[in-house]
Amino acid sequence: MRTILTAKTKKDCIKWTKTAIVIDVLRSSSTVCALLQAGKKDIRLYADKKEAAAYKKINAAAEFFSELDFEEKFDKYDNSPSLAIKSSHLKPALIITTAGTPAVMALKKADKIFMGGFCNFSALIKYLKLNECENILFVPSSLFGFDEHTEDAICARECIAALSRADNASRAIENFKKTKRFADFLKGCPLTAKEDARLALTLNSIPQIPLIKIYDSFALINKYQ
């Protein structure tokens, strides 16, 4: 019988050795899925700003996705699924975010790491149902960011529920759209916020499953086959 848990602390992530799924609904998971949907083959993920900037300096063609500020003056896109999905499949990409990418990099001991959200909900649940022997840790990336980002825990809860009973994810999304957190996101984020939210909060809008492998200071993201 497999174990399905939701991480409560950063230590839960650091010590986990089985399958882990990082949930960052707004917006890291959706941006990563969008990069795969765009057809990119070389996608790097970082948690350390210096490491990310160093890679960009020697790979000028790489498209950089991040909401973080950098001293270095190089071209950068926001952490935005609506921008990522339009990006060139011919260029490599790197992504570093406030919470989603640090959550991934905390899982160095995990044997498999995926990213998920509502945008790839059904594809992810289908995979997990076909692999019932796997123990699973769902990681709301808000553990590495802000407690008020409740959408990550909501999505993790709905994933667990969908594995054992009827899927109520659509209702959960509609309820989240009535919250102050959602209103604040639309007001406080860049011009892409409305389209980013549409992609991130539409079930199966980007049905990719990102499979992630950590290499020391960075991780590579590939499409799960």
Protein backbone atom coordinates (compact mmCIF):
# COMPACT_ATOMS: atom_id res chain seq x y z
CA MET A 1 0.00 0.00 0.00
CA ARG A 2 1.48 3.31 -1.03
CA THR A 3 1.83 6.40 1.12
CA ILE A 4 0.49 9.75 -0.11
CA LEU A 5 1.50 12.82 1.88
CA THR A 6 1.54 16.59 1.64
CA ALA A 7 4.73 18.28 2.82
CA LYS A 8 4.21 20.41 5.91
CA THR A 9 7.77 21.68 6.31
CA LYS A 10 10.90 22.18 4.23
CA LYS A 11 12.49 19.27 6.12
CA ASP A 12 9.79 16.96 4.77
CA CYS A 13 11.09 17.78 1.29
CA ILE A 14 14.77 17.49 2.10
CA LYS A 15 14.47 13.97 3.53
CA TRP A 16 12.00 12.53 0.98
CA THR A 17 13.39 9.69 -1.17
CA LYS A 18 10.43 8.60 -3.33
CA THR A 19 8.25 10.40 -5.91
CA ALA A 20 7.72 14.11 -5.29
CA ILE A 21 5.37 16.50 -7.05
CA VAL A 22 5.96 20.24 -6.70
CA ILE A 23 2.76 22.26 -6.99
CA ASP A 24 3.11 25.93 -7.93
CA VAL A 25 -0.15 26.92 -9.56
CA LEU A 26 0.58 30.65 -10.00
CA ARG A 27 2.95 30.36 -11.82
CA SER A 28 6.08 28.16 -11.87
CA SER A 29 4.41 24.83 -12.66
CA SER A 30 2.35 26.42 -15.42
CA THR A 31 5.37 28.21 -16.90
CA VAL A 32 7.41 24.99 -16.98
CA CYS A 33 4.53 23.10 -18.61
CA ALA A 34 4.23 25.91 -21.16
CA LEU A 35 7.94 25.70 -22.02
CA LEU A 36 7.50 22.00 -22.76
CA GLN A 37 4.35 22.71 -24.74
CA ALA A 38 6.35 25.19 -26.84
CA GLY A 39 8.64 22.31 -27.79
CA LYS A 40 11.77 23.29 -25.92
CA LYS A 41 14.28 20.48 -25.44
CA ASP A 42 16.86 22.21 -23.21
CA ILE A 43 15.31 23.69 -20.05
CA ARG A 44 17.32 24.41 -16.93
CA LEU A 45 15.93 25.17 -13.49
CA TYR A 46 17.82 27.07 -10.80
CA ALA A 47 17.25 28.10 -7.20
CA ASP A 48 20.37 30.28 -6.84
CA LYS A 49 20.38 33.66 -8.60
CA LYS A 50 24.16 33.76 -9.04
CA GLU A 51 24.19 30.33 -10.69
CA ALA A 52 21.34 31.31 -12.99
CA ALA A 53 23.02 34.58 -13.98
CA ALA A 54 26.33 32.80 -14.62
CA TYR A 55 24.64 30.34 -16.97
CA LYS A 56 22.90 33.16 -18.83
CA LYS A 57 26.19 35.03 -19.28
CA ILE A 58 27.76 32.15 -21.16
CA ASN A 59 24.53 31.16 -22.97
CA ALA A 60 23.28 34.45 -24.36
CA ALA A 61 20.69 32.75 -26.60
CA ALA A 62 18.95 31.09 -23.66
CA GLU A 63 15.53 32.54 -22.88
CA PHE A 64 15.38 33.55 -19.22
CA PHE A 65 12.09 33.29 -17.29
CA SER A 66 11.90 34.80 -13.81
CA GLU A 67 9.95 37.33 -11.76
CA LEU A 68 13.07 38.05 -9.69
CA ASP A 69 15.19 41.17 -10.07
CA PHE A 70 18.81 40.85 -11.23
CA GLU A 71 21.65 43.35 -11.19
CA GLU A 72 22.89 41.99 -14.49
CA LYS A 73 21.47 43.69 -17.58
CA PHE A 74 20.25 40.89 -19.80
CA ASP A 75 17.00 40.16 -21.58
CA LYS A 76 14.52 38.41 -19.32
CA TYR A 77 10.89 37.35 -19.51
CA ASP A 78 8.58 37.22 -16.53
CA ASN A 79 7.69 33.90 -14.89
CA SER A 80 4.71 33.68 -17.21
CA PRO A 81 3.05 30.68 -18.87
CA SER A 82 1.44 32.93 -21.48
CA LEU A 83 4.88 34.17 -22.55
CA ALA A 84 6.56 30.78 -22.22
CA ILE A 85 4.04 29.03 -24.46
CA LYS A 86 4.91 31.47 -27.26
CA SER A 87 8.68 31.03 -26.89
CA SER A 88 10.96 29.58 -29.54
CA HIS A 89 11.42 25.83 -29.53
CA LEU A 90 14.87 26.39 -31.04
CA LYS A 91 16.29 28.21 -28.02
CA PRO A 92 17.28 26.81 -24.61
CA ALA A 93 15.55 28.18 -21.54
CA LEU A 94 16.22 28.69 -17.86
CA ILE A 95 13.82 29.42 -15.06
CA ILE A 96 14.31 30.63 -11.49
CA THR A 97 11.42 31.73 -9.29
CA THR A 98 10.62 32.80 -5.75
CA ALA A 99 9.20 29.50 -4.48
CA GLY A 100 8.70 26.88 -7.18
CA THR A 101 12.30 26.34 -8.18
CA PRO A 102 13.66 26.33 -4.59
CA ALA A 103 11.01 23.70 -3.77
CA VAL A 104 12.32 21.52 -6.60
CA MET A 105 15.96 21.92 -5.59
CA ALA A 106 15.14 20.91 -1.99
CA LEU A 107 14.21 17.44 -3.27
CA LYS A 108 17.73 16.23 -4.03
CA LYS A 109 17.07 12.82 -2.43
CA ALA A 110 13.82 12.13 -4.30
CA ASP A 111 14.02 9.40 -6.92
CA LYS A 112 11.49 11.14 -9.19
CA ILE A 113 10.43 14.78 -9.30
CA PHE A 114 7.50 16.18 -11.25
CA MET A 115 5.80 19.57 -11.37
CA GLY A 116 2.06 19.89 -11.37
CA GLY A 117 -0.88 22.22 -11.13
CA PHE A 118 -4.37 22.57 -12.48
CA CYS A 119 -2.99 23.14 -15.98
CA ASN A 120 -1.81 19.48 -16.21
CA PHE A 121 -4.13 18.03 -13.57
CA SER A 122 -5.69 15.13 -15.53
CA ALA A 123 -2.41 14.08 -17.17
CA LEU A 124 -0.73 13.98 -13.77
CA ILE A 125 -3.55 12.07 -12.08
CA LYS A 126 -3.61 9.55 -14.94
CA TYR A 127 0.13 8.92 -14.50
CA LEU A 128 -0.20 8.52 -10.73
CA LYS A 129 -3.09 6.10 -11.06
CA LEU A 130 -1.09 3.96 -13.47
CA ASN A 131 1.80 3.82 -11.00
CA GLU A 132 0.01 2.79 -7.80
CA CYS A 133 3.13 1.33 -6.22
CA GLU A 134 4.76 4.73 -5.87
CA ASN A 135 4.85 6.61 -2.58
CA ILE A 136 4.12 10.28 -3.23
CA LEU A 137 4.91 13.58 -1.54
CA PHE A 138 2.97 16.59 -2.78
CA VAL A 139 4.94 19.79 -2.17
CA PRO A 140 3.01 23.07 -2.13
CA SER A 141 5.66 25.57 -3.15
CA SER A 142 4.17 28.10 -0.74
CA LEU A 143 6.35 26.33 1.87
CA PHE A 144 9.25 28.10 0.18
CA GLY A 145 7.42 31.36 -0.47
CA PHE A 146 4.35 32.89 1.11
CA ASP A 147 1.71 31.26 3.32
CA GLU A 148 -1.06 33.30 1.69
CA HIS A 149 -0.46 31.52 -1.63
CA THR A 150 -3.17 29.04 -0.75
CA GLU A 151 -3.72 27.79 -4.32
CA ASP A 152 -0.79 25.37 -4.05
CA ALA A 153 -2.16 23.55 -1.01
CA ILE A 154 -5.64 23.56 -2.58
CA CYS A 155 -4.31 21.90 -5.73
CA ALA A 156 -2.31 19.34 -3.72
CA ARG A 157 -5.46 18.49 -1.77
CA GLU A 158 -7.46 18.06 -4.97
CA CYS A 159 -4.78 15.80 -6.46
CA ILE A 160 -4.94 13.53 -3.45
CA ALA A 161 -8.74 13.55 -3.55
CA ALA A 162 -8.78 12.68 -7.28
CA LEU A 163 -6.65 9.61 -6.58
CA SER A 164 -9.22 8.18 -4.19
CA ARG A 165 -12.65 9.58 -5.12
CA ALA A 166 -14.55 11.86 -7.48
CA ASP A 167 -12.70 14.83 -8.95
CA ASN A 168 -13.84 18.17 -7.51
CA ALA A 169 -10.99 20.24 -8.92
CA SER A 170 -13.29 22.43 -11.05
CA ARG A 171 -15.25 23.49 -7.97
CA ALA A 172 -12.03 24.16 -6.07
CA ILE A 173 -10.83 26.45 -8.87
CA GLU A 174 -14.08 28.41 -8.92
CA ASN A 175 -13.96 28.82 -5.14
CA PHE A 176 -10.34 30.01 -5.32
CA LYS A 177 -11.30 32.66 -7.88
CA LYS A 178 -13.53 34.24 -5.20
CA THR A 179 -10.63 34.73 -2.77
CA LYS A 180 -8.62 37.82 -1.92
CA ARG A 181 -5.46 35.99 -2.96
CA PHE A 182 -6.74 35.64 -6.53
CA ALA A 183 -7.84 39.28 -6.65
CA ASP A 184 -4.43 40.36 -5.35
CA PHE A 185 -2.68 38.28 -8.02
CA LEU A 186 -4.63 39.96 -10.81
CA LYS A 187 -3.95 43.42 -9.38
CA GLY A 188 -0.34 42.97 -8.36
CA CYS A 189 1.17 40.96 -11.19
CA PRO A 190 2.28 42.19 -14.62
CA LEU A 191 0.20 42.76 -17.73
CA THR A 192 0.19 39.02 -18.39
CA ALA A 193 -1.64 38.21 -15.14
CA LYS A 194 -5.07 37.69 -16.70
CA GLU A 195 -3.83 35.30 -19.39
CA ASP A 196 -1.43 33.60 -16.97
CA ALA A 197 -4.34 32.99 -14.59
CA ARG A 198 -6.50 31.64 -17.40
CA LEU A 199 -3.86 29.06 -18.33
CA ALA A 200 -2.97 28.20 -14.74
CA LEU A 201 -6.57 27.84 -13.58
CA THR A 202 -8.04 26.00 -16.56
CA LEU A 203 -8.01 22.26 -16.05
CA ASN A 204 -5.66 20.53 -18.51
CA SER A 205 -4.89 23.70 -20.48
CA ILE A 206 -1.24 22.56 -20.81
CA PRO A 207 -1.26 18.74 -20.48
CA GLN A 208 2.48 18.24 -20.12
CA ILE A 209 4.15 16.34 -17.27
CA PRO A 210 7.54 17.87 -16.42
CA LEU A 211 10.05 15.27 -15.21
CA ILE A 212 12.98 16.86 -13.40
CA LYS A 213 16.48 15.58 -12.67
CA ILE A 214 18.76 17.49 -10.32
CA TYR A 215 22.45 17.97 -11.14
CA ASP A 216 24.19 19.70 -8.24
CA SER A 217 23.33 23.42 -8.60
CA PHE A 218 20.70 23.11 -11.33
CA ALA A 219 18.08 20.73 -12.70
CA LEU A 220 17.10 19.66 -16.19
CA ILE A 221 13.43 19.52 -17.18
CA ASN A 222 12.17 17.01 -19.72
CA LYS A 223 8.78 15.90 -20.94
CA TYR A 224 7.68 12.66 -19.27
CA GLN A 225 7.32 9.97 -21.93
